[in-house]
Amino acid sequence: MLLKARLNRSVGFSLLEMLVVLLIVGLLTALVATRVTRPPTHKPEIIHFLELTRTSAINSGYSIDVWLTAEGFSTSDGQKLLLSEEQVIQVQYPEPNAYLDPSRLTKFYPDGTMTATEFSVSSSQSKLNVVLSPFSSTIKYATHSK
């Protein structure tokens, strides 16, 4: 009888052992899922510049203009982003009228919105397309290799 009780006890896994295994599998799955679904962390310098300018407008309570210059970008609050000589900027402007200044790329407002703009920055290796959307208050971009 004692031998029979030991045999029954040694066959299979206990509930505690099963729970530990399920916990380990769940943790490993969570680690893998976050690595696979994590967006890329590297953003182009231009996107950082635009996001910083938008944040500055929100924090300061004043509108900030972003201008195109011969060297790159500058803002009405004194920030500058210089581009390399090989980078070329192309802006898709709407129909020209008396209200639009062709050298102003966009304007960030204190409420987080901005004027609509689409532009691209091309270099010998890649092309960066940027869309500033006033409806969703987002800065979207896509990088294409040449």
C-alpha atoms as a PDB file:
ATOM      1  CA  MET A   1       0.000   0.000   0.000  1.00  0.00           C
ATOM      2  CA  LEU A   2       2.822   2.405   0.889  1.00  0.00           C
ATOM      3  CA  LEU A   3       4.599   1.604  -2.391  1.00  0.00           C
ATOM      4  CA  LYS A   4       1.408   2.259  -4.328  1.00  0.00           C
ATOM      5  CA  ALA A   5       0.979   5.688  -2.662  1.00  0.00           C
ATOM      6  CA  ARG A   6       4.548   6.700  -3.584  1.00  0.00           C
ATOM      7  CA  LEU A   7       4.061   5.676  -7.216  1.00  0.00           C
ATOM      8  CA  ASN A   8       0.872   7.720  -7.528  1.00  0.00           C
ATOM      9  CA  ARG A   9       2.563  10.723  -5.976  1.00  0.00           C
ATOM     10  CA  SER A  10       5.640  10.713  -8.250  1.00  0.00           C
ATOM     11  CA  VAL A  11       3.659  10.583 -11.495  1.00  0.00           C
ATOM     12  CA  GLY A  12       2.835  14.027 -13.045  1.00  0.00           C
ATOM     13  CA  PHE A  13       3.440  17.594 -11.930  1.00  0.00           C
ATOM     14  CA  SER A  14       2.071  19.475  -8.975  1.00  0.00           C
ATOM     15  CA  LEU A  15      -0.121  22.542  -9.390  1.00  0.00           C
ATOM     16  CA  LEU A  16       2.655  24.750  -8.051  1.00  0.00           C
ATOM     17  CA  GLU A  17       5.136  23.466 -10.628  1.00  0.00           C
ATOM     18  CA  MET A  18       2.628  24.104 -13.434  1.00  0.00           C
ATOM     19  CA  LEU A  19       2.006  27.655 -12.217  1.00  0.00           C
ATOM     20  CA  VAL A  20       5.754  28.411 -12.090  1.00  0.00           C
ATOM     21  CA  VAL A  21       6.198  27.150 -15.662  1.00  0.00           C
ATOM     22  CA  LEU A  22       3.224  29.216 -16.881  1.00  0.00           C
ATOM     23  CA  LEU A  23       4.612  32.293 -15.133  1.00  0.00           C
ATOM     24  CA  ILE A  24       8.002  31.872 -16.815  1.00  0.00           C
ATOM     25  CA  VAL A  25       6.406  31.328 -20.245  1.00  0.00           C
ATOM     26  CA  GLY A  26       4.243  34.435 -19.737  1.00  0.00           C
ATOM     27  CA  LEU A  27       7.234  36.589 -18.802  1.00  0.00           C
ATOM     28  CA  LEU A  28       9.225  35.396 -21.801  1.00  0.00           C
ATOM     29  CA  THR A  29       6.272  36.055 -24.100  1.00  0.00           C
ATOM     30  CA  ALA A  30       5.895  39.588 -22.713  1.00  0.00           C
ATOM     31  CA  LEU A  31       9.590  40.310 -23.256  1.00  0.00           C
ATOM     32  CA  VAL A  32       9.520  39.052 -26.835  1.00  0.00           C
ATOM     33  CA  ALA A  33       6.277  40.901 -27.628  1.00  0.00           C
ATOM     34  CA  THR A  34       7.649  44.247 -26.445  1.00  0.00           C
ATOM     35  CA  ARG A  35      10.821  43.809 -28.465  1.00  0.00           C
ATOM     36  CA  VAL A  36       8.904  42.925 -31.628  1.00  0.00           C
ATOM     37  CA  THR A  37       6.249  45.649 -31.382  1.00  0.00           C
ATOM     38  CA  ARG A  38       8.482  48.490 -30.157  1.00  0.00           C
ATOM     39  CA  PRO A  39       8.696  51.308 -32.735  1.00  0.00           C
ATOM     40  CA  PRO A  40      12.099  52.458 -33.916  1.00  0.00           C
ATOM     41  CA  THR A  41      13.641  54.934 -31.503  1.00  0.00           C
ATOM     42  CA  HIS A  42      15.860  56.740 -33.995  1.00  0.00           C
ATOM     43  CA  LYS A  43      14.211  59.881 -35.353  1.00  0.00           C
ATOM     44  CA  PRO A  44      15.796  62.183 -37.899  1.00  0.00           C
ATOM     45  CA  GLU A  45      17.258  65.413 -36.531  1.00  0.00           C
ATOM     46  CA  ILE A  46      14.687  67.492 -38.435  1.00  0.00           C
ATOM     47  CA  ILE A  47      11.813  65.716 -36.671  1.00  0.00           C
ATOM     48  CA  HIS A  48      13.430  66.335 -33.273  1.00  0.00           C
ATOM     49  CA  PHE A  49      13.843  70.010 -34.209  1.00  0.00           C
ATOM     50  CA  LEU A  50      10.177  70.357 -35.202  1.00  0.00           C
ATOM     51  CA  GLU A  51       8.930  68.513 -32.104  1.00  0.00           C
ATOM     52  CA  LEU A  52      11.119  70.680 -29.862  1.00  0.00           C
ATOM     53  CA  THR A  53       9.804  73.841 -31.526  1.00  0.00           C
ATOM     54  CA  ARG A  54       6.189  72.678 -31.090  1.00  0.00           C
ATOM     55  CA  THR A  55       6.861  71.933 -27.407  1.00  0.00           C
ATOM     56  CA  SER A  56       8.484  75.369 -26.980  1.00  0.00           C
ATOM     57  CA  ALA A  57       5.374  77.048 -28.410  1.00  0.00           C
ATOM     58  CA  ILE A  58       3.132  75.105 -26.020  1.00  0.00           C
ATOM     59  CA  ASN A  59       5.323  75.830 -22.970  1.00  0.00           C
ATOM     60  CA  SER A  60       5.915  79.505 -23.749  1.00  0.00           C
ATOM     61  CA  GLY A  61       2.323  80.338 -24.664  1.00  0.00           C
ATOM     62  CA  TYR A  62       3.467  82.118 -27.851  1.00  0.00           C
ATOM     63  CA  SER A  63       3.304  81.170 -31.519  1.00  0.00           C
ATOM     64  CA  ILE A  64       6.610  80.215 -33.142  1.00  0.00           C
ATOM     65  CA  ASP A  65       7.303  80.468 -36.874  1.00  0.00           C
ATOM     66  CA  VAL A  66       9.662  78.057 -38.632  1.00  0.00           C
ATOM     67  CA  TRP A  67      11.455  79.641 -41.590  1.00  0.00           C
ATOM     68  CA  LEU A  68      13.450  78.195 -44.464  1.00  0.00           C
ATOM     69  CA  THR A  69      16.859  79.790 -44.803  1.00  0.00           C
ATOM     70  CA  ALA A  70      19.780  79.178 -47.122  1.00  0.00           C
ATOM     71  CA  GLU A  71      21.465  77.105 -44.375  1.00  0.00           C
ATOM     72  CA  GLY A  72      18.412  75.102 -43.224  1.00  0.00           C
ATOM     73  CA  PHE A  73      15.713  76.007 -40.705  1.00  0.00           C
ATOM     74  CA  SER A  74      15.366  78.809 -38.164  1.00  0.00           C
ATOM     75  CA  THR A  75      12.623  79.796 -35.759  1.00  0.00           C
ATOM     76  CA  SER A  76      11.213  83.080 -34.553  1.00  0.00           C
ATOM     77  CA  ASP A  77      12.547  82.283 -31.062  1.00  0.00           C
ATOM     78  CA  GLY A  78      16.148  81.931 -32.261  1.00  0.00           C
ATOM     79  CA  GLN A  79      16.604  78.174 -32.725  1.00  0.00           C
ATOM     80  CA  LYS A  80      18.457  76.989 -35.821  1.00  0.00           C
ATOM     81  CA  LEU A  81      19.008  73.699 -37.576  1.00  0.00           C
ATOM     82  CA  LEU A  82      21.746  73.700 -40.178  1.00  0.00           C
ATOM     83  CA  LEU A  83      21.614  71.174 -42.986  1.00  0.00           C
ATOM     84  CA  SER A  84      24.566  69.737 -44.846  1.00  0.00           C
ATOM     85  CA  GLU A  85      25.322  71.062 -48.315  1.00  0.00           C
ATOM     86  CA  GLU A  86      24.176  67.843 -49.972  1.00  0.00           C
ATOM     87  CA  GLN A  87      20.671  68.012 -48.453  1.00  0.00           C
ATOM     88  CA  VAL A  88      18.000  69.583 -50.653  1.00  0.00           C
ATOM     89  CA  ILE A  89      14.645  70.809 -49.309  1.00  0.00           C
ATOM     90  CA  GLN A  90      11.483  70.685 -51.444  1.00  0.00           C
ATOM     91  CA  VAL A  91       8.288  72.175 -50.050  1.00  0.00           C
ATOM     92  CA  GLN A  92       4.845  71.432 -51.477  1.00  0.00           C
ATOM     93  CA  TYR A  93       3.112  74.789 -51.135  1.00  0.00           C
ATOM     94  CA  PRO A  94      -0.602  75.361 -51.738  1.00  0.00           C
ATOM     95  CA  GLU A  95      -1.702  77.915 -54.310  1.00  0.00           C
ATOM     96  CA  PRO A  96       0.151  81.192 -53.718  1.00  0.00           C
ATOM     97  CA  ASN A  97      -1.881  84.009 -52.198  1.00  0.00           C
ATOM     98  CA  ALA A  98      -1.355  87.199 -50.225  1.00  0.00           C
ATOM     99  CA  TYR A  99      -1.553  85.416 -46.868  1.00  0.00           C
ATOM    100  CA  LEU A 100       1.225  82.882 -47.391  1.00  0.00           C
ATOM    101  CA  ASP A 101       4.891  83.742 -47.082  1.00  0.00           C
ATOM    102  CA  PRO A 102       6.855  81.202 -49.160  1.00  0.00           C
ATOM    103  CA  SER A 103       9.843  81.349 -46.809  1.00  0.00           C
ATOM    104  CA  ARG A 104       7.739  80.357 -43.760  1.00  0.00           C
ATOM    105  CA  LEU A 105       7.591  76.593 -43.485  1.00  0.00           C
ATOM    106  CA  THR A 106       5.023  76.372 -40.683  1.00  0.00           C
ATOM    107  CA  LYS A 107       3.747  78.066 -37.560  1.00  0.00           C
ATOM    108  CA  PHE A 108       3.324  76.298 -34.199  1.00  0.00           C
ATOM    109  CA  TYR A 109       0.594  77.662 -31.925  1.00  0.00           C
ATOM    110  CA  PRO A 110       0.448  77.541 -28.101  1.00  0.00           C
ATOM    111  CA  ASP A 111      -2.484  75.112 -28.196  1.00  0.00           C
ATOM    112  CA  GLY A 112      -0.313  72.502 -29.971  1.00  0.00           C
ATOM    113  CA  THR A 113      -1.734  72.989 -33.457  1.00  0.00           C
ATOM    114  CA  MET A 114       0.249  74.061 -36.496  1.00  0.00           C
ATOM    115  CA  THR A 115      -0.198  75.180 -40.079  1.00  0.00           C
ATOM    116  CA  ALA A 116      -0.268  72.428 -42.672  1.00  0.00           C
ATOM    117  CA  THR A 117       2.958  71.756 -44.513  1.00  0.00           C
ATOM    118  CA  GLU A 118       4.456  68.977 -46.579  1.00  0.00           C
ATOM    119  CA  PHE A 119       8.121  68.931 -47.433  1.00  0.00           C
ATOM    120  CA  SER A 120      10.943  66.555 -48.229  1.00  0.00           C
ATOM    121  CA  VAL A 121      14.650  66.646 -47.529  1.00  0.00           C
ATOM    122  CA  SER A 122      16.774  64.685 -49.977  1.00  0.00           C
ATOM    123  CA  SER A 123      20.376  63.604 -49.742  1.00  0.00           C
ATOM    124  CA  SER A 124      22.488  61.198 -51.775  1.00  0.00           C
ATOM    125  CA  GLN A 125      21.523  58.242 -49.505  1.00  0.00           C
ATOM    126  CA  SER A 126      17.897  58.884 -48.543  1.00  0.00           C
ATOM    127  CA  LYS A 127      14.799  61.018 -48.791  1.00  0.00           C
ATOM    128  CA  LEU A 128      12.771  62.151 -45.780  1.00  0.00           C
ATOM    129  CA  ASN A 129       9.108  63.061 -46.359  1.00  0.00           C
ATOM    130  CA  VAL A 130       7.501  65.150 -43.609  1.00  0.00           C
ATOM    131  CA  VAL A 131       3.813  66.027 -43.165  1.00  0.00           C
ATOM    132  CA  LEU A 132       2.652  68.512 -40.531  1.00  0.00           C
ATOM    133  CA  SER A 133      -1.057  67.923 -40.002  1.00  0.00           C
ATOM    134  CA  PRO A 134      -3.117  70.643 -38.301  1.00  0.00           C
ATOM    135  CA  PHE A 135      -6.132  68.323 -37.971  1.00  0.00           C
ATOM    136  CA  SER A 136      -4.418  65.685 -35.848  1.00  0.00           C
ATOM    137  CA  SER A 137      -1.655  67.999 -34.522  1.00  0.00           C
ATOM    138  CA  THR A 138       0.958  65.427 -35.506  1.00  0.00           C
ATOM    139  CA  ILE A 139       4.287  65.435 -37.268  1.00  0.00           C
ATOM    140  CA  LYS A 140       4.443  62.390 -39.525  1.00  0.00           C
ATOM    141  CA  TYR A 141       7.495  61.297 -41.454  1.00  0.00           C
ATOM    142  CA  ALA A 142       8.788  58.505 -43.636  1.00  0.00           C
ATOM    143  CA  THR A 143      12.348  57.782 -44.687  1.00  0.00           C
ATOM    144  CA  HIS A 144      13.106  56.223 -48.063  1.00  0.00           C
ATOM    145  CA  SER A 145      16.507  54.876 -49.090  1.00  0.00           C
ATOM    146  CA  LYS A 146      17.724  55.640 -52.576  1.00  0.00           C
END
